[in-house]
Amino acid sequence: MDVMVLEKQGNVVLVRSRIGCFKGIWCSPMPEILQKYVVEIDCDEIISYNKIEIVSAPIFCIEEENESTLITGLVQDIQAGVMFLKILESFIMIEVSEDSYFQKFIGKY
């Protein structure tokens, strides 16, 4: 995903992308502020059934809310405990707790 670095504090950076601004931990050599980078987004948490919902508007976004990160995208597929969430031309692979429960989200935002 293409991002521009807006701020950095230690290894935590605030970036802007086409779908919003969000914070993350930078795992490579520290970036320069106001420079553009192509990044891979990783989620280190296993998503459980109470942390996902279907929304009515088919939009893509990543935003911060109440010290949590909200990610809205199209659930493309779920295989072997991994949800493939499409956001524009990018995919985020998110580990989920129960394949069978999450199957109903395929094809939904």
C-alpha atoms as a PDB file:
ATOM      1  CA  MET A   1       0.000   0.000   0.000  1.00  0.00           C
ATOM      2  CA  ASP A   2       1.316   3.464  -0.863  1.00  0.00           C
ATOM      3  CA  VAL A   3       1.655   5.767   2.156  1.00  0.00           C
ATOM      4  CA  MET A   4       3.254   9.067   3.115  1.00  0.00           C
ATOM      5  CA  VAL A   5       4.857   9.346   6.555  1.00  0.00           C
ATOM      6  CA  LEU A   6       3.425  12.288   8.518  1.00  0.00           C
ATOM      7  CA  GLU A   7       4.933  11.798  11.984  1.00  0.00           C
ATOM      8  CA  LYS A   8       7.202   9.414  13.821  1.00  0.00           C
ATOM      9  CA  GLN A   9       7.780   8.745  17.519  1.00  0.00           C
ATOM     10  CA  GLY A  10      10.318   6.012  18.091  1.00  0.00           C
ATOM     11  CA  ASN A  11       9.264   3.158  15.825  1.00  0.00           C
ATOM     12  CA  VAL A  12       5.592   4.267  15.730  1.00  0.00           C
ATOM     13  CA  VAL A  13       4.635   6.229  12.625  1.00  0.00           C
ATOM     14  CA  LEU A  14       1.534   8.076  11.489  1.00  0.00           C
ATOM     15  CA  VAL A  15       0.953   7.625   7.776  1.00  0.00           C
ATOM     16  CA  ARG A  16      -1.545   8.859   5.212  1.00  0.00           C
ATOM     17  CA  SER A  17      -2.832   6.675   2.397  1.00  0.00           C
ATOM     18  CA  ARG A  18      -5.607   6.954  -0.181  1.00  0.00           C
ATOM     19  CA  ILE A  19      -7.984   5.401   2.347  1.00  0.00           C
ATOM     20  CA  GLY A  20      -7.090   7.328   5.492  1.00  0.00           C
ATOM     21  CA  CYS A  21      -4.503   8.062   8.157  1.00  0.00           C
ATOM     22  CA  PHE A  22      -3.384   5.450  10.632  1.00  0.00           C
ATOM     23  CA  LYS A  23      -0.581   4.579  13.059  1.00  0.00           C
ATOM     24  CA  GLY A  24       1.647   1.559  12.952  1.00  0.00           C
ATOM     25  CA  ILE A  25       4.952   0.123  14.057  1.00  0.00           C
ATOM     26  CA  TRP A  26       7.687   0.619  11.446  1.00  0.00           C
ATOM     27  CA  CYS A  27       9.763  -2.547  11.114  1.00  0.00           C
ATOM     28  CA  SER A  28      12.415  -1.370   8.645  1.00  0.00           C
ATOM     29  CA  PRO A  29      15.025   1.378   8.962  1.00  0.00           C
ATOM     30  CA  MET A  30      13.163   4.495  10.107  1.00  0.00           C
ATOM     31  CA  PRO A  31      11.488   6.456   7.301  1.00  0.00           C
ATOM     32  CA  GLU A  32      11.807  10.131   6.484  1.00  0.00           C
ATOM     33  CA  ILE A  33       8.877  12.436   7.232  1.00  0.00           C
ATOM     34  CA  LEU A  34       6.847  13.533   4.163  1.00  0.00           C
ATOM     35  CA  GLN A  35       8.364  10.778   2.027  1.00  0.00           C
ATOM     36  CA  LYS A  36       6.321   8.160   0.206  1.00  0.00           C
ATOM     37  CA  TYR A  37       6.758   4.438   0.797  1.00  0.00           C
ATOM     38  CA  VAL A  38       5.138   1.182  -0.248  1.00  0.00           C
ATOM     39  CA  VAL A  39       4.301  -0.742   2.921  1.00  0.00           C
ATOM     40  CA  GLU A  40       2.908  -4.094   3.948  1.00  0.00           C
ATOM     41  CA  ILE A  41       0.288  -3.928   6.690  1.00  0.00           C
ATOM     42  CA  ASP A  42       0.301  -6.669   9.305  1.00  0.00           C
ATOM     43  CA  CYS A  43      -2.180  -7.317  12.105  1.00  0.00           C
ATOM     44  CA  ASP A  44      -0.637  -9.083  15.094  1.00  0.00           C
ATOM     45  CA  GLU A  45      -3.985  -9.854  16.728  1.00  0.00           C
ATOM     46  CA  ILE A  46      -6.239 -12.835  16.040  1.00  0.00           C
ATOM     47  CA  ILE A  47      -9.658 -11.432  15.131  1.00  0.00           C
ATOM     48  CA  SER A  48     -12.565 -12.991  17.028  1.00  0.00           C
ATOM     49  CA  TYR A  49     -16.245 -12.998  16.067  1.00  0.00           C
ATOM     50  CA  ASN A  50     -17.084  -9.971  18.221  1.00  0.00           C
ATOM     51  CA  LYS A  51     -14.568  -7.729  16.432  1.00  0.00           C
ATOM     52  CA  ILE A  52     -16.032  -7.828  12.923  1.00  0.00           C
ATOM     53  CA  GLU A  53     -19.288  -6.495  11.508  1.00  0.00           C
ATOM     54  CA  ILE A  54     -20.929  -5.967   8.141  1.00  0.00           C
ATOM     55  CA  VAL A  55     -21.372  -2.311   7.163  1.00  0.00           C
ATOM     56  CA  SER A  56     -23.940  -0.923   4.759  1.00  0.00           C
ATOM     57  CA  ALA A  57     -21.697   1.316   2.646  1.00  0.00           C
ATOM     58  CA  PRO A  58     -19.101  -0.366   0.400  1.00  0.00           C
ATOM     59  CA  ILE A  59     -16.184   1.901   1.260  1.00  0.00           C
ATOM     60  CA  PHE A  60     -12.521   1.287   1.950  1.00  0.00           C
ATOM     61  CA  CYS A  61     -10.909   2.959   4.928  1.00  0.00           C
ATOM     62  CA  ILE A  62      -8.457   2.607   7.764  1.00  0.00           C
ATOM     63  CA  GLU A  63      -9.016   4.919  10.721  1.00  0.00           C
ATOM     64  CA  GLU A  64      -8.273   5.289  14.402  1.00  0.00           C
ATOM     65  CA  GLU A  65     -11.158   5.230  16.888  1.00  0.00           C
ATOM     66  CA  ASN A  66     -10.930   4.978  20.690  1.00  0.00           C
ATOM     67  CA  GLU A  67      -7.350   3.644  20.561  1.00  0.00           C
ATOM     68  CA  SER A  68      -8.400   0.942  18.084  1.00  0.00           C
ATOM     69  CA  THR A  69      -7.820   0.685  14.358  1.00  0.00           C
ATOM     70  CA  LEU A  70     -10.910   0.195  12.211  1.00  0.00           C
ATOM     71  CA  ILE A  71     -10.333  -1.418   8.818  1.00  0.00           C
ATOM     72  CA  THR A  72     -13.141  -1.478   6.241  1.00  0.00           C
ATOM     73  CA  GLY A  73     -12.700  -3.564   3.119  1.00  0.00           C
ATOM     74  CA  LEU A  74     -14.187  -6.360   1.059  1.00  0.00           C
ATOM     75  CA  VAL A  75     -13.807  -9.857   2.515  1.00  0.00           C
ATOM     76  CA  GLN A  76     -12.463 -11.692  -0.530  1.00  0.00           C
ATOM     77  CA  ASP A  77     -11.946 -15.151   0.972  1.00  0.00           C
ATOM     78  CA  ILE A  78     -11.252 -17.101   4.158  1.00  0.00           C
ATOM     79  CA  GLN A  79      -8.891 -20.082   4.093  1.00  0.00           C
ATOM     80  CA  ALA A  80      -7.204 -22.003   6.900  1.00  0.00           C
ATOM     81  CA  GLY A  81      -7.894 -19.353   9.533  1.00  0.00           C
ATOM     82  CA  VAL A  82      -6.858 -16.392   7.356  1.00  0.00           C
ATOM     83  CA  MET A  83      -9.232 -13.688   6.112  1.00  0.00           C
ATOM     84  CA  PHE A  84      -8.212 -11.951   2.874  1.00  0.00           C
ATOM     85  CA  LEU A  85      -9.489  -8.386   3.136  1.00  0.00           C
ATOM     86  CA  LYS A  86      -9.301  -6.359  -0.094  1.00  0.00           C
ATOM     87  CA  ILE A  87      -8.718  -2.624   0.226  1.00  0.00           C
ATOM     88  CA  LEU A  88      -8.477  -0.933  -3.188  1.00  0.00           C
ATOM     89  CA  GLU A  89      -5.729  -2.876  -4.997  1.00  0.00           C
ATOM     90  CA  SER A  90      -4.166  -4.199  -1.772  1.00  0.00           C
ATOM     91  CA  PHE A  91      -4.933  -7.210   0.407  1.00  0.00           C
ATOM     92  CA  ILE A  92      -4.525  -7.548   4.160  1.00  0.00           C
ATOM     93  CA  MET A  93      -4.286 -11.085   5.534  1.00  0.00           C
ATOM     94  CA  ILE A  94      -5.845 -11.284   9.008  1.00  0.00           C
ATOM     95  CA  GLU A  95      -5.830 -14.368  11.216  1.00  0.00           C
ATOM     96  CA  VAL A  96      -9.345 -15.223  12.419  1.00  0.00           C
ATOM     97  CA  SER A  97     -10.466 -17.464  15.257  1.00  0.00           C
ATOM     98  CA  GLU A  98     -13.205 -19.501  13.548  1.00  0.00           C
ATOM     99  CA  ASP A  99     -13.322 -20.152   9.788  1.00  0.00           C
ATOM    100  CA  SER A 100     -16.909 -21.407   9.830  1.00  0.00           C
ATOM    101  CA  TYR A 101     -18.277 -18.324  11.604  1.00  0.00           C
ATOM    102  CA  PHE A 102     -16.530 -15.884   9.262  1.00  0.00           C
ATOM    103  CA  GLN A 103     -17.607 -17.606   6.014  1.00  0.00           C
ATOM    104  CA  LYS A 104     -20.800 -15.495   5.993  1.00  0.00           C
ATOM    105  CA  PHE A 105     -18.675 -12.355   5.530  1.00  0.00           C
ATOM    106  CA  ILE A 106     -17.210 -13.399   2.160  1.00  0.00           C
ATOM    107  CA  GLY A 107     -18.213 -10.887  -0.502  1.00  0.00           C
ATOM    108  CA  LYS A 108     -19.296  -8.293   2.070  1.00  0.00           C
ATOM    109  CA  TYR A 109     -17.810  -5.070   3.413  1.00  0.00           C
END
